[in-house]
Amino acid sequence: MADMGAFRAAVTTWAAGGSGDPARELAARLSVRAAVLLEGPSDVAAVGALAASRGRDLAAEGVCVLSMGGAMGVGRYAGLLGPSGLGLRLTGLCDERERGYYARGLERAGAASREFFVCAADLEDELIRALGVTRVEEVVREEGDLRALRTFANQPAQRGRTAHQQLRRFFGTKKGRKIHYGRVLVEALGPERVPPLDGLFAHL
C-alpha cells in the first residue's frame, strides 16, 4: 500500500530529473494537500517529533514533510509542488541566511512567500534558546554525549565561544548528530515555545 514515504521518494526522483507521473498518481491517491519544504533531515526530525508530541499525524492530514537537501532546491521543489505543479499548499522552515532562496523560489513558483518561517540562526539555535543551555546540557548527558561535548568545548577554537555557541557547533560535528538532536531536543521542550516551529504548525 502506498504511503507518504513513497510520495516523498517519488518527488525526490522527480526533482532530480525523473518522471513526475508517479508523484502525480500518488498525490491523488493519498489526497496530499500540502508540502512542508525543509532544508535537511535534522529539520524533518524536529518537525516529526513536534507533530508526535502534539498528537498530529501529518501524513494522515495530507501533509508531506520534505527534506530538499539544501535551501537552494526550494525553487525547483516549489515549481513541482506549488500552483504551477501539483497545486499543493506550500510552507517551509529555513535558516535566516537562506531566507532569500525561499522568498525567491516561492515567488517564482507563484506561491505565497509570506507562508514560510525563519529561524534566527538555525533550528538548533532556536531549540537551545527555548530550552536554555542548562537543560540542553542535561539532554546531552542523558544521551550519553556529555564527555564528547566537554572534550569539544575544551578545544582551543571553542574556548572563546559561549556555551550556547559551543552546543550549536557540537551538534554538527558528527554525522547524524544534528538529526538525532533535532528530535530529542523537541521531545524535551514541554511547554516551551519555539516561534518558527509554532508558526509552522499553526499554519498547517
Foldseek 3Di string as FASTA:
>chain_A
DDFLVQLQVLLLCVLVPDDNVVNLVVCVVQVAAEEEEEAALLLVLLLVLLCVVVVHDCRNVNYHYYHNNGLLSLLSSLLCVPPVHSNHQYEYEEEPVSLVSQQVSNVVSVHDSVRYFYDPGGVLLLLCVQQDLVVVLVLCVVVVNNVVLVVQCPPPVNVVDDSSVSVVVVQVPDPPSSNVCSNVSSVVNVPGDRVNSVSNVVSD
